[in-house]
Amino acid sequence: MEKRFHELEGIIAKAKQQVVQQDEEVNEAEGDTDTDLQIFCVSCSHPVNPKVALRHMERCYAKYESQTSFGSMYPTRIEG
């Protein structure tokens, strides 16, 4: 237990000596980091860019909602 305590104290001491990198925060402010981030649509499961995710999900949901039939003699026309 004493050995683990000293190891943990050593890790904490090393972490306190680390220098904060300011460059990463500048890149996030530019908005270039969103290129690899994707959100999956809850209706069609396609990957969507976060900037257009809300618009895509609203349109996609409306598309599936319009193809759904309740209490009709015709079957629902949903692909996928």
N, C-alpha and C. Protein backbone atom coordinates (compact mmCIF):
# COMPACT_ATOMS: atom_id res chain seq x y z
N MET A 1 0.83 -1.19 0.00
CA MET A 1 0.00 0.00 0.00
C MET A 1 0.88 1.26 0.00
N GLU A 2 1.92 1.23 0.79
CA GLU A 2 2.84 2.37 0.86
C GLU A 2 3.54 2.59 -0.48
N LYS A 3 3.90 1.48 -1.15
CA LYS A 3 4.58 1.57 -2.44
C LYS A 3 3.67 2.21 -3.49
N ARG A 4 2.41 1.81 -3.51
CA ARG A 4 1.45 2.36 -4.47
C ARG A 4 1.21 3.85 -4.20
N PHE A 5 1.20 4.22 -2.92
CA PHE A 5 1.02 5.62 -2.55
C PHE A 5 2.16 6.47 -3.11
N HIS A 6 3.39 5.98 -2.96
CA HIS A 6 4.54 6.73 -3.45
C HIS A 6 4.56 6.79 -4.98
N GLU A 7 4.13 5.71 -5.64
CA GLU A 7 4.04 5.72 -7.10
C GLU A 7 3.02 6.76 -7.57
N LEU A 8 1.90 6.81 -6.89
CA LEU A 8 0.86 7.78 -7.23
C LEU A 8 1.34 9.21 -6.99
N GLU A 9 2.04 9.42 -5.90
CA GLU A 9 2.59 10.75 -5.62
C GLU A 9 3.60 11.16 -6.69
N GLY A 10 4.38 10.20 -7.18
CA GLY A 10 5.33 10.49 -8.26
C GLY A 10 4.63 10.88 -9.54
N ILE A 11 3.55 10.19 -9.87
CA ILE A 11 2.77 10.51 -11.07
C ILE A 11 2.16 11.90 -10.95
N ILE A 12 1.64 12.21 -9.77
CA ILE A 12 1.03 13.53 -9.55
C ILE A 12 2.08 14.62 -9.68
N ALA A 13 3.27 14.39 -9.13
CA ALA A 13 4.35 15.38 -9.21
C ALA A 13 4.77 15.61 -10.66
N LYS A 14 4.86 14.54 -11.46
CA LYS A 14 5.21 14.69 -12.88
C LYS A 14 4.13 15.47 -13.62
N ALA A 15 2.87 15.19 -13.30
CA ALA A 15 1.76 15.87 -13.97
C ALA A 15 1.75 17.36 -13.67
N LYS A 16 2.11 17.72 -12.44
CA LYS A 16 2.14 19.13 -12.08
C LYS A 16 3.25 19.89 -12.78
N GLN A 17 4.28 19.19 -13.23
CA GLN A 17 5.40 19.83 -13.91
C GLN A 17 5.18 19.98 -15.41
N GLN A 18 4.14 19.36 -15.94
CA GLN A 18 3.87 19.44 -17.37
C GLN A 18 3.41 20.84 -17.75
N VAL A 19 3.78 21.25 -18.96
CA VAL A 19 3.43 22.57 -19.47
C VAL A 19 2.14 22.45 -20.29
N VAL A 20 1.25 23.40 -20.11
CA VAL A 20 -0.01 23.42 -20.86
C VAL A 20 0.28 23.90 -22.27
N GLN A 21 -0.26 23.18 -23.26
CA GLN A 21 -0.06 23.56 -24.66
C GLN A 21 -1.21 24.45 -25.11
N GLN A 22 -0.89 25.66 -25.51
CA GLN A 22 -1.89 26.63 -25.92
C GLN A 22 -2.33 26.43 -27.37
N ASP A 23 -1.52 25.75 -28.19
CA ASP A 23 -1.82 25.59 -29.61
C ASP A 23 -3.10 24.80 -29.85
N GLU A 24 -3.38 23.81 -29.02
CA GLU A 24 -4.56 22.98 -29.23
C GLU A 24 -5.84 23.79 -29.06
N GLU A 25 -5.86 24.72 -28.13
CA GLU A 25 -7.04 25.54 -27.92
C GLU A 25 -7.27 26.48 -29.10
N VAL A 26 -6.21 26.96 -29.72
CA VAL A 26 -6.33 27.83 -30.88
C VAL A 26 -6.95 27.06 -32.03
N ASN A 27 -6.53 25.81 -32.24
CA ASN A 27 -7.10 25.00 -33.32
C ASN A 27 -8.58 24.74 -33.10
N GLU A 28 -9.00 24.54 -31.86
CA GLU A 28 -10.41 24.31 -31.60
C GLU A 28 -11.23 25.56 -31.89
N ALA A 29 -10.66 26.72 -31.64
CA ALA A 29 -11.37 27.96 -31.90
C ALA A 29 -11.57 28.19 -33.39
N GLU A 30 -10.65 27.70 -34.21
CA GLU A 30 -10.77 27.86 -35.66
C GLU A 30 -11.88 27.02 -36.25
N GLY A 31 -12.25 25.94 -35.58
CA GLY A 31 -13.32 25.09 -36.06
C GLY A 31 -12.87 24.02 -37.03
N ASP A 32 -11.57 23.80 -37.18
CA ASP A 32 -11.08 22.79 -38.11
C ASP A 32 -11.13 21.39 -37.52
N THR A 33 -11.40 21.25 -36.25
CA THR A 33 -11.39 19.93 -35.62
C THR A 33 -12.69 19.17 -35.87
N ASP A 34 -13.71 19.80 -36.45
CA ASP A 34 -14.98 19.13 -36.69
C ASP A 34 -14.95 18.23 -37.91
N THR A 35 -13.85 18.21 -38.65
CA THR A 35 -13.81 17.45 -39.88
C THR A 35 -13.88 15.95 -39.64
N ASP A 36 -13.33 15.47 -38.52
CA ASP A 36 -13.35 14.04 -38.28
C ASP A 36 -14.45 13.63 -37.30
N LEU A 37 -15.16 14.58 -36.71
CA LEU A 37 -16.23 14.27 -35.77
C LEU A 37 -17.52 14.03 -36.55
N GLN A 38 -18.19 12.93 -36.24
CA GLN A 38 -19.45 12.62 -36.92
C GLN A 38 -20.47 12.15 -35.91
N ILE A 39 -21.72 12.47 -36.18
CA ILE A 39 -22.85 12.02 -35.37
C ILE A 39 -23.68 11.10 -36.25
N PHE A 40 -24.21 10.03 -35.67
CA PHE A 40 -25.01 9.10 -36.44
C PHE A 40 -26.49 9.46 -36.31
N CYS A 41 -27.17 9.49 -37.44
CA CYS A 41 -28.59 9.81 -37.48
C CYS A 41 -29.38 8.71 -36.78
N VAL A 42 -30.36 9.09 -35.96
CA VAL A 42 -31.14 8.11 -35.22
C VAL A 42 -32.17 7.42 -36.11
N SER A 43 -32.51 8.01 -37.25
CA SER A 43 -33.49 7.41 -38.14
C SER A 43 -32.88 6.48 -39.18
N CYS A 44 -31.80 6.93 -39.83
CA CYS A 44 -31.23 6.15 -40.93
C CYS A 44 -29.85 5.58 -40.62
N SER A 45 -29.26 5.94 -39.49
CA SER A 45 -27.95 5.43 -39.04
C SER A 45 -26.79 5.85 -39.92
N HIS A 46 -26.95 6.88 -40.73
CA HIS A 46 -25.84 7.38 -41.54
C HIS A 46 -25.01 8.36 -40.73
N PRO A 47 -23.69 8.39 -40.94
CA PRO A 47 -22.86 9.39 -40.26
C PRO A 47 -23.12 10.78 -40.85
N VAL A 48 -23.26 11.76 -39.97
CA VAL A 48 -23.60 13.11 -40.39
C VAL A 48 -22.64 14.09 -39.73
N ASN A 49 -22.24 15.12 -40.46
CA ASN A 49 -21.41 16.18 -39.91
C ASN A 49 -22.21 16.93 -38.84
N PRO A 50 -21.62 17.25 -37.69
CA PRO A 50 -22.36 17.92 -36.62
C PRO A 50 -22.98 19.27 -37.02
N LYS A 51 -22.41 19.94 -38.00
CA LYS A 51 -22.94 21.24 -38.41
C LYS A 51 -24.31 21.11 -39.06
N VAL A 52 -24.57 20.00 -39.73
CA VAL A 52 -25.84 19.81 -40.43
C VAL A 52 -26.67 18.69 -39.82
N ALA A 53 -26.26 18.21 -38.64
CA ALA A 53 -26.93 17.05 -38.05
C ALA A 53 -28.39 17.32 -37.71
N LEU A 54 -28.68 18.45 -37.10
CA LEU A 54 -30.06 18.74 -36.71
C LEU A 54 -30.97 18.84 -37.93
N ARG A 55 -30.53 19.55 -38.95
CA ARG A 55 -31.33 19.68 -40.17
C ARG A 55 -31.54 18.32 -40.83
N HIS A 56 -30.47 17.50 -40.89
CA HIS A 56 -30.58 16.18 -41.50
C HIS A 56 -31.57 15.32 -40.73
N MET A 57 -31.46 15.32 -39.41
CA MET A 57 -32.34 14.47 -38.60
C MET A 57 -33.79 14.89 -38.70
N GLU A 58 -34.06 16.19 -38.79
CA GLU A 58 -35.44 16.66 -38.95
C GLU A 58 -36.01 16.20 -40.29
N ARG A 59 -35.22 16.35 -41.35
CA ARG A 59 -35.69 15.94 -42.69
C ARG A 59 -35.83 14.42 -42.78
N CYS A 60 -34.87 13.71 -42.21
CA CYS A 60 -34.89 12.25 -42.27
C CYS A 60 -36.09 11.70 -41.50
N TYR A 61 -36.36 12.28 -40.33
CA TYR A 61 -37.50 11.84 -39.54
C TYR A 61 -38.80 12.13 -40.29
N ALA A 62 -38.89 13.29 -40.90
CA ALA A 62 -40.09 13.64 -41.66
C ALA A 62 -40.29 12.68 -42.83
N LYS A 63 -39.21 12.27 -43.46
CA LYS A 63 -39.31 11.34 -44.58
C LYS A 63 -39.86 10.00 -44.11
N TYR A 64 -39.31 9.48 -43.02
CA TYR A 64 -39.79 8.19 -42.52
C TYR A 64 -41.20 8.30 -41.96
N GLU A 65 -41.53 9.42 -41.36
CA GLU A 65 -42.87 9.63 -40.83
C GLU A 65 -43.90 9.67 -41.95
N SER A 66 -43.55 10.28 -43.08
CA SER A 66 -44.50 10.36 -44.19
C SER A 66 -44.69 9.01 -44.87
N GLN A 67 -43.71 8.12 -44.75
CA GLN A 67 -43.82 6.80 -45.37
C GLN A 67 -44.52 5.79 -44.46
N THR A 68 -44.79 6.17 -43.23
CA THR A 68 -45.42 5.26 -42.28
C THR A 68 -46.93 5.39 -42.38
N SER A 69 -47.62 4.27 -42.42
CA SER A 69 -49.08 4.31 -42.46
C SER A 69 -49.63 3.57 -41.25
N PHE A 70 -50.60 4.20 -40.60
CA PHE A 70 -51.24 3.62 -39.43
C PHE A 70 -52.70 3.33 -39.76
N GLY A 71 -53.12 2.12 -39.53
CA GLY A 71 -54.51 1.77 -39.75
C GLY A 71 -54.92 1.81 -41.21
N SER A 72 -54.00 1.52 -42.11
CA SER A 72 -54.30 1.56 -43.53
C SER A 72 -54.26 0.14 -44.09
N MET A 73 -54.96 -0.07 -45.18
CA MET A 73 -54.93 -1.39 -45.80
C MET A 73 -53.67 -1.58 -46.64
N TYR A 74 -52.90 -0.51 -46.85
CA TYR A 74 -51.67 -0.59 -47.61
C TYR A 74 -50.48 -0.70 -46.66
N PRO A 75 -49.49 -1.52 -46.99
CA PRO A 75 -48.32 -1.67 -46.10
C PRO A 75 -47.45 -0.41 -46.10
N THR A 76 -46.70 -0.27 -45.05
CA THR A 76 -45.78 0.85 -44.91
C THR A 76 -44.65 0.72 -45.92
N ARG A 77 -44.26 1.84 -46.56
CA ARG A 77 -43.20 1.83 -47.57
C ARG A 77 -41.91 2.40 -47.00
N ILE A 78 -41.28 1.71 -46.10
CA ILE A 78 -40.01 2.17 -45.53
C ILE A 78 -38.90 1.25 -46.00
N GLU A 79 -37.87 1.86 -46.58
CA GLU A 79 -36.71 1.10 -47.03
C GLU A 79 -35.64 1.17 -45.95
N GLY A 80 -34.98 0.06 -45.69
CA GLY A 80 -33.87 0.05 -44.74
C GLY A 80 -34.27 -0.38 -43.45
